């Protein structure tokens, strides 16, 4: 991946993509219609370029103990071949990034940070590695990441994997990864995603990414597969109630306010960065140090709330929308917002200031959309 373009830029350009800057890369926003791409992922399958994401390898005899110290979760508890969602936090409990960590061997882990935070996370991990017998290697610039998401994702992968490896794909559990041969290449295949659908993410060297992309498109021709951009990815993750760093998560937000308290392993042995602050926040018994928590909002009308719109109760400001738009799948507006804890209970009706007009929204349980398994 170059500083501004992924290894798949020419494939996107050939497919007629509209581009936008995201995480320092020119990424496909959409190809023809973000709405059609959204529905394709829900009903068939979508193909995403996620090469702007980071890949940081942590290896060495103390890799597990180091990650237990560097991240808020108990990464040493991950079984070989499995993955875990976690956070890297500041000493004050603020979120530097949310990330997924894969255990590839007893002393070998792959940490996957978000696009705009990849360099920051790699640098922070290297700083925290002092005193541990580990090697932290940022492989983001050499690695591409391609995702196939949707109910037909497994069938598409089976069209490219040798018959003797089909069981590796069909038996792969959510938040797990395995090495398989895809279109003749030995690659890491993970059953993870950011859409709320079944799907896979494939780690591939940059030089092999274009041929893999084309092979996946060809294998998906009979399965409704379409290339999908960041616009569809955003509407899909919002329906699935998944936070986006820079919207729902930031250094000014802690895990408990963001509804990610279960990710924090306060009971794990030893210290970890942010432990004292997070323990104090939890002990205070509120959603956050400023008394707000993240909630889902369902619009009663047709107009959608957008990021930074004010949330009101009886005319008083009680919070702010972080993400919002019409839900293509559900047919009504949905939003995520931080609101004062006393107004965060499911069923509470609040107003959102939609450019000068207050419109009612109801606090609802997350996720907004959950696929039928």
Protein backbone atom coordinates (compact mmCIF):
# COMPACT_ATOMS: atom_id res chain seq x y z
CA UNK A 1 0.00 0.00 0.00
CA UNK A 2 1.41 3.39 -0.97
CA UNK A 3 0.90 6.52 1.08
CA UNK A 4 -2.18 7.52 -0.93
CA UNK A 5 -3.36 4.48 -2.89
CA UNK A 6 -3.97 0.85 -2.09
CA UNK A 7 -2.69 -1.92 -4.34
CA UNK A 8 -6.24 -2.19 -5.74
CA UNK A 9 -6.59 1.42 -6.93
CA UNK A 10 -6.52 0.47 -10.62
CA UNK A 11 -9.22 -2.17 -10.07
CA UNK A 12 -11.44 0.42 -8.40
CA UNK A 13 -10.82 2.99 -11.13
CA UNK A 14 -11.65 0.45 -13.83
CA UNK A 15 -14.92 -0.36 -12.01
CA UNK A 16 -15.91 3.33 -12.03
CA UNK A 17 -15.43 4.03 -8.33
CA UNK A 18 -15.87 7.46 -6.78
CA UNK A 19 -13.01 8.05 -4.35
CA UNK A 20 -12.65 9.75 -0.99
CA UNK A 21 -9.74 10.22 1.39
CA UNK A 22 -9.98 7.94 4.40
CA UNK A 23 -7.16 7.16 6.78
CA UNK A 24 -4.71 8.88 4.43
CA UNK A 25 -5.70 6.72 1.45
CA UNK A 26 -7.81 7.30 -1.61
CA UNK A 27 -10.56 4.74 -1.04
CA UNK A 28 -13.65 3.83 -3.09
CA UNK A 29 -16.68 5.61 -1.64
CA UNK A 30 -19.08 3.89 -4.03
CA UNK A 31 -19.09 2.36 -7.50
CA UNK A 32 -22.56 2.97 -8.95
CA UNK A 33 -25.03 3.12 -6.07
CA UNK A 34 -24.24 2.87 -2.36
CA UNK A 35 -27.84 1.78 -1.79
CA UNK A 36 -27.51 -1.10 -4.24
CA UNK A 37 -24.18 -2.07 -2.66
CA UNK A 38 -25.75 -2.04 0.80
CA UNK A 39 -28.63 -4.28 -0.29
CA UNK A 40 -26.23 -6.62 -2.12
CA UNK A 41 -24.34 -7.26 1.13
CA UNK A 42 -27.56 -7.92 3.04
CA UNK A 43 -29.04 -10.17 0.34
CA UNK A 44 -26.05 -11.68 -1.54
CA UNK A 45 -22.46 -10.45 -1.15
CA UNK A 46 -20.20 -7.43 -1.36
CA UNK A 47 -16.46 -7.17 -2.01
CA UNK A 48 -14.54 -4.55 0.00
CA UNK A 49 -11.01 -3.20 -0.16
CA UNK A 50 -9.89 -2.71 3.45
CA UNK A 51 -6.21 -2.26 2.68
CA UNK A 52 -6.15 1.04 4.55
CA UNK A 53 -6.41 -0.94 7.79
CA UNK A 54 -3.25 -1.76 9.75
CA UNK A 55 -1.46 -5.03 10.39
CA UNK A 56 0.98 -5.18 13.32
CA UNK A 57 2.72 -8.45 14.21
CA UNK A 58 3.70 -9.08 17.83
CA UNK A 59 6.04 -12.03 18.33
CA UNK A 60 8.31 -13.38 21.04
CA UNK A 61 8.28 -15.40 24.28
CA UNK A 62 6.40 -12.66 26.17
CA UNK A 63 3.99 -11.67 23.39
CA UNK A 64 0.87 -12.74 25.31
CA UNK A 65 1.95 -11.07 28.55
CA UNK A 66 2.86 -7.91 26.65
CA UNK A 67 -0.53 -7.67 24.96
CA UNK A 68 -2.23 -8.21 28.33
CA UNK A 69 -0.34 -5.11 29.51
CA UNK A 70 -0.75 -3.03 26.34
CA UNK A 71 -4.47 -3.67 25.73
CA UNK A 72 -7.46 -3.71 28.08
CA UNK A 73 -8.53 -7.30 27.32
CA UNK A 74 -7.01 -10.62 28.35
CA UNK A 75 -5.28 -11.45 25.11
CA UNK A 76 -3.34 -14.33 26.67
CA UNK A 77 -6.67 -16.19 26.89
CA UNK A 78 -7.07 -16.32 23.09
CA UNK A 79 -6.71 -19.87 21.76
CA UNK A 80 -4.52 -20.48 18.73
CA UNK A 81 -6.48 -19.65 15.58
CA UNK A 82 -9.00 -17.44 17.41
CA UNK A 83 -9.43 -13.67 17.60
CA UNK A 84 -10.54 -11.12 20.17
CA UNK A 85 -11.93 -7.58 19.98
CA UNK A 86 -10.18 -5.17 22.32
CA UNK A 87 -9.12 -1.58 22.98
CA UNK A 88 -5.82 0.21 23.37
CA UNK A 89 -6.30 3.02 25.88
CA UNK A 90 -4.46 5.93 27.40
CA UNK A 91 -3.54 5.99 31.08
CA UNK A 92 -6.71 8.06 31.67
CA UNK A 93 -8.89 5.38 30.06
CA UNK A 94 -9.46 7.27 26.80
CA UNK A 95 -9.64 5.07 23.71
CA UNK A 96 -6.68 5.31 21.31
CA UNK A 97 -8.26 2.69 19.06
CA UNK A 98 -10.45 -0.37 18.95
CA UNK A 99 -8.86 -3.35 17.25
CA UNK A 100 -8.93 -7.09 16.60
CA UNK A 101 -6.10 -9.37 17.67
CA UNK A 102 -5.56 -12.81 16.12
CA UNK A 103 -3.46 -15.49 17.79
CA UNK A 104 -1.54 -17.30 15.08
CA UNK A 105 0.73 -19.37 17.36
CA UNK A 106 1.72 -19.55 21.02
CA UNK A 107 4.05 -16.56 20.69
CA UNK A 108 2.68 -14.91 17.54
CA UNK A 109 -0.19 -12.42 17.32
CA UNK A 110 -1.58 -10.19 14.58
CA UNK A 111 -3.04 -6.88 15.80
CA UNK A 112 -5.32 -5.07 13.34
CA UNK A 113 -5.92 -1.38 14.11
CA UNK A 114 -8.16 1.02 12.21
CA UNK A 115 -7.02 2.88 9.13
CA UNK A 116 -6.30 6.34 10.50
CA UNK A 117 -4.79 4.89 13.69
CA UNK A 118 -2.50 2.20 12.24
CA UNK A 119 0.75 4.17 12.59
CA UNK A 120 -0.28 5.56 16.00
CA UNK A 121 -1.10 2.10 17.35
CA UNK A 122 2.11 0.57 15.97
CA UNK A 123 4.15 3.36 17.57
CA UNK A 124 2.32 3.05 20.89
CA UNK A 125 2.80 -0.73 20.97
CA UNK A 126 6.52 -0.31 20.33
CA UNK A 127 6.75 2.14 23.25
CA UNK A 128 4.84 -0.20 25.56
CA UNK A 129 7.05 -3.13 24.53
CA UNK A 130 9.97 -1.78 26.57
CA UNK A 131 10.94 -4.41 29.12
CA UNK A 132 9.14 -7.26 27.33
CA UNK A 133 10.87 -9.94 25.24
CA UNK A 134 8.82 -9.18 22.11
CA UNK A 135 9.22 -7.83 18.60
CA UNK A 136 6.61 -5.40 17.26
CA UNK A 137 6.59 -5.20 13.45
CA UNK A 138 4.30 -2.89 11.47
CA UNK A 139 3.48 -4.73 8.23
CA UNK A 140 0.66 -2.37 7.20
CA UNK A 141 2.47 -0.92 4.18
CA UNK A 142 3.13 -4.37 2.67
CA UNK A 143 -0.27 -5.94 3.37
CA UNK A 144 -3.62 -5.67 1.61
CA UNK A 145 -6.93 -6.71 3.14
CA UNK A 146 -9.95 -7.81 1.12
CA UNK A 147 -13.36 -8.63 2.62
CA UNK A 148 -16.21 -10.70 1.21
CA UNK A 149 -19.36 -10.01 3.22
CA UNK A 150 -22.89 -11.32 2.91
CA UNK A 151 -24.96 -14.53 3.05
CA UNK A 152 -23.27 -15.87 -0.11
CA UNK A 153 -19.71 -15.18 1.09
CA UNK A 154 -18.99 -18.77 2.07
CA UNK A 155 -20.19 -20.17 -1.26
CA UNK A 156 -17.97 -17.70 -3.11
CA UNK A 157 -14.90 -18.69 -1.09
CA UNK A 158 -15.59 -22.38 -1.68
CA UNK A 159 -15.36 -21.69 -5.40
CA UNK A 160 -11.72 -20.67 -4.99
CA UNK A 161 -10.48 -22.98 -2.23
CA UNK A 162 -9.35 -26.55 -3.09
CA UNK A 163 -11.93 -29.22 -2.30
CA UNK A 164 -9.71 -30.77 0.36
CA UNK A 165 -9.77 -27.44 2.24
CA UNK A 166 -13.51 -26.79 2.02
CA UNK A 167 -14.05 -27.97 5.59
CA UNK A 168 -11.55 -25.36 6.81
CA UNK A 169 -13.88 -22.71 5.41
CA UNK A 170 -17.23 -24.21 6.35
CA UNK A 171 -16.13 -25.07 9.90
CA UNK A 172 -14.39 -21.74 10.55
CA UNK A 173 -16.12 -20.01 13.46
CA UNK A 174 -16.80 -16.30 13.88
CA UNK A 175 -13.72 -14.46 15.19
CA UNK A 176 -11.35 -17.19 14.05
CA UNK A 177 -8.76 -17.44 11.28
CA UNK A 178 -7.06 -20.17 9.27
CA UNK A 179 -4.50 -20.42 6.50
CA UNK A 180 -6.00 -21.70 3.26
CA UNK A 181 -5.16 -21.74 -0.44
CA UNK A 182 -7.30 -19.21 -2.27
CA UNK A 183 -6.96 -19.04 -6.04
CA UNK A 184 -3.58 -20.75 -5.75
CA UNK A 185 -2.23 -18.46 -3.01
CA UNK A 186 -1.61 -19.48 0.63
CA UNK A 187 -3.37 -16.75 2.60
CA UNK A 188 -4.78 -15.95 6.04
CA UNK A 189 -8.59 -16.15 6.03
CA UNK A 190 -10.55 -14.70 8.96
CA UNK A 191 -14.27 -15.02 9.62
CA UNK A 192 -14.75 -11.45 10.74
CA UNK A 193 -16.36 -8.30 9.37
CA UNK A 194 -17.95 -4.94 9.96
CA UNK A 195 -21.33 -5.33 8.28
CA UNK A 196 -23.48 -7.46 10.57
CA UNK A 197 -23.45 -10.25 7.99
CA UNK A 198 -21.51 -13.49 7.71
CA UNK A 199 -18.29 -12.90 5.87
CA UNK A 200 -14.54 -13.20 5.59
CA UNK A 201 -11.47 -10.97 5.56
CA UNK A 202 -8.41 -12.08 3.61
CA UNK A 203 -4.86 -10.87 4.31
CA UNK A 204 -2.75 -10.82 1.17
CA UNK A 205 0.63 -9.35 0.10
CA UNK A 206 0.17 -6.21 -2.00
CA UNK A 207 1.61 -7.80 -5.15
CA UNK A 208 -1.03 -10.56 -5.07
CA UNK A 209 -4.01 -8.37 -4.17
CA UNK A 210 -5.14 -7.42 -7.72
CA UNK A 211 -5.25 -11.02 -8.94
CA UNK A 212 -7.14 -12.11 -5.82
CA UNK A 213 -9.66 -9.27 -6.25
CA UNK A 214 -10.33 -10.30 -9.85
CA UNK A 215 -10.59 -13.97 -8.90
CA UNK A 216 -13.14 -13.18 -6.19
CA UNK A 217 -15.23 -11.08 -8.58
CA UNK A 218 -15.22 -13.92 -11.11
CA UNK A 219 -16.11 -16.52 -8.47
CA UNK A 220 -18.93 -14.29 -7.27
CA UNK A 221 -20.59 -13.76 -10.64
CA UNK A 222 -23.23 -16.40 -9.99
CA UNK A 223 -23.74 -15.32 -6.39
CA UNK A 224 -24.70 -11.65 -6.75
CA UNK A 225 -21.29 -10.34 -5.62
CA UNK A 226 -20.64 -6.64 -6.28
CA UNK A 227 -17.73 -4.39 -5.28
CA UNK A 228 -18.81 -2.15 -2.40
CA UNK A 229 -17.36 1.11 -1.10
CA UNK A 230 -17.04 2.96 2.18
CA UNK A 231 -20.53 4.48 1.96
CA UNK A 232 -22.17 1.05 2.07
CA UNK A 233 -19.72 -0.11 4.71
CA UNK A 234 -20.78 2.80 6.91
CA UNK A 235 -24.53 2.23 6.54
CA UNK A 236 -24.07 -1.50 7.13
CA UNK A 237 -22.00 -1.07 10.29
CA UNK A 238 -24.44 1.54 11.63
CA UNK A 239 -27.40 -0.85 11.23
CA UNK A 240 -25.30 -3.47 13.06
CA UNK A 241 -24.64 -0.99 15.89
CA UNK A 242 -20.88 -1.16 15.45
CA UNK A 243 -18.86 1.89 16.58
CA UNK A 244 -16.60 3.82 14.22
CA UNK A 245 -13.42 5.37 15.56
CA UNK A 246 -13.63 9.13 15.22
CA UNK A 247 -17.42 9.03 15.54
CA UNK A 248 -18.40 6.88 18.54
CA UNK A 249 -14.88 6.25 19.84
CA UNK A 250 -12.06 8.67 20.65
CA UNK A 251 -9.47 9.58 23.27
CA UNK A 252 -12.21 11.59 24.99
CA UNK A 253 -14.44 8.53 25.43
CA UNK A 254 -14.00 5.53 27.73
CA UNK A 255 -15.10 1.93 27.30
CA UNK A 256 -17.98 2.14 29.77
CA UNK A 257 -19.53 5.19 28.13
CA UNK A 258 -19.23 3.47 24.74
CA UNK A 259 -20.99 0.32 25.97
CA UNK A 260 -17.75 -1.67 25.72
CA UNK A 261 -17.33 -2.39 29.43
CA UNK A 262 -17.28 -6.19 28.89
CA UNK A 263 -14.14 -5.75 26.76
CA UNK A 264 -12.21 -4.45 29.79
CA UNK A 265 -10.65 -7.26 31.85
CA UNK A 266 -10.12 -5.54 35.20
CA UNK A 267 -9.70 -8.94 36.86
CA UNK A 268 -6.76 -10.12 34.75
CA UNK A 269 -3.45 -10.57 36.56
CA UNK A 270 -1.00 -7.70 36.56
CA UNK A 271 -1.27 -4.12 35.46
CA UNK A 272 -2.36 -2.74 32.11
CA UNK A 273 -2.36 0.74 30.66
CA UNK A 274 -5.49 2.56 31.82
CA UNK A 275 -6.44 0.02 34.51
CA UNK A 276 -6.63 2.40 37.48
CA UNK A 277 -8.64 5.00 35.56
CA UNK A 278 -11.06 2.44 34.13
CA UNK A 279 -11.54 0.79 37.53
CA UNK A 280 -12.41 4.18 39.02
CA UNK A 281 -14.88 4.93 36.22
CA UNK A 282 -16.58 1.56 36.68
CA UNK A 283 -16.71 2.04 40.45
CA UNK A 284 -18.40 5.40 40.00
CA UNK A 285 -21.35 3.51 38.56
CA UNK A 286 -22.12 5.87 35.69
CA UNK A 287 -21.74 5.52 31.94
CA UNK A 288 -18.71 7.80 31.92
CA UNK A 289 -16.90 10.44 33.90
CA UNK A 290 -19.23 13.05 32.37
CA UNK A 291 -22.37 11.00 32.90
CA UNK A 292 -23.16 10.08 29.29
CA UNK A 293 -23.46 6.79 27.45
CA UNK A 294 -23.86 5.61 23.87
CA UNK A 295 -27.39 4.68 22.80
CA UNK A 296 -29.27 3.71 19.66
CA UNK A 297 -32.00 6.02 18.39
CA UNK A 298 -34.91 5.12 16.09
CA UNK A 299 -36.60 7.96 14.24
CA UNK A 300 -40.39 8.31 14.35
CA UNK A 301 -40.47 10.23 11.07
CA UNK A 302 -38.66 10.13 7.74
CA UNK A 303 -35.90 12.64 8.36
CA UNK A 304 -32.53 11.31 9.52
CA UNK A 305 -30.29 12.59 12.28
CA UNK A 306 -26.66 13.22 11.34
CA UNK A 307 -23.39 13.42 13.22
CA UNK A 308 -23.09 16.36 15.65
CA UNK A 309 -26.85 17.05 15.71
CA UNK A 310 -28.07 17.97 19.20
CA UNK A 311 -30.20 15.59 21.26
CA UNK A 312 -32.83 17.30 23.43
CA UNK A 313 -35.22 16.41 26.24
CA UNK A 314 -37.99 18.90 26.99
CA UNK A 315 -35.99 21.48 25.07
CA UNK A 316 -32.78 21.00 27.09
CA UNK A 317 -29.54 19.70 25.55
CA UNK A 318 -28.81 16.16 26.78
CA UNK A 319 -26.40 14.84 24.16
CA UNK A 320 -25.13 14.65 20.61
CA UNK A 321 -25.55 12.33 17.64
CA UNK A 322 -22.33 10.61 16.54
CA UNK A 323 -23.63 8.75 13.45
CA UNK A 324 -27.00 8.72 11.73
CA UNK A 325 -28.77 8.09 8.44
CA UNK A 326 -31.83 6.37 6.96
CA UNK A 327 -31.58 2.59 7.36
CA UNK A 328 -31.84 0.99 3.89
CA UNK A 329 -32.71 -2.39 5.41
CA UNK A 330 -35.21 -1.30 8.07
CA UNK A 331 -36.82 1.64 6.29
CA UNK A 332 -36.57 4.21 9.07
CA UNK A 333 -33.87 6.58 10.37
CA UNK A 334 -31.35 5.22 12.87
CA UNK A 335 -28.60 6.95 14.84
CA UNK A 336 -26.01 6.47 17.54
CA UNK A 337 -25.69 9.20 20.13
CA UNK A 338 -24.15 9.99 23.50
CA UNK A 339 -26.86 11.12 25.92
CA UNK A 340 -27.02 11.85 29.63
CA UNK A 341 -27.33 8.59 31.53
CA UNK A 342 -30.71 9.52 33.08
CA UNK A 343 -32.20 9.62 29.56
CA UNK A 344 -30.50 6.49 28.21
CA UNK A 345 -33.05 3.79 29.10
CA UNK A 346 -34.62 1.83 26.23
CA UNK A 347 -38.03 3.30 25.44
CA UNK A 348 -37.10 6.88 26.35
CA UNK A 349 -38.36 9.39 23.77
CA UNK A 350 -36.04 12.31 23.00
CA UNK A 351 -35.84 14.95 20.30
CA UNK A 352 -33.09 15.53 17.77
CA UNK A 353 -32.60 19.01 16.39
CA UNK A 354 -32.78 18.45 12.64
CA UNK A 355 -31.50 21.82 11.46
CA UNK A 356 -33.86 23.87 13.55
CA UNK A 357 -36.79 21.46 13.82
CA UNK A 358 -37.06 19.04 16.75
CA UNK A 359 -38.05 15.52 15.65
CA UNK A 360 -38.84 12.63 18.03
CA UNK A 361 -36.52 9.63 18.32
CA UNK A 362 -36.84 6.64 20.64
CA UNK A 363 -33.95 5.02 22.51
CA UNK A 364 -33.81 1.39 21.33
CA UNK A 365 -31.64 -1.63 22.06
CA UNK A 366 -28.63 -2.24 19.84
CA UNK A 367 -28.02 -3.55 17.27
CA UNK A 368 -30.73 -2.08 15.07
CA UNK A 369 -30.34 -4.99 12.65
CA UNK A 370 -29.39 -8.59 13.44
CA UNK A 371 -29.09 -11.21 10.72
CA UNK A 372 -31.02 -14.47 10.86
CA UNK A 373 -28.55 -17.30 11.30
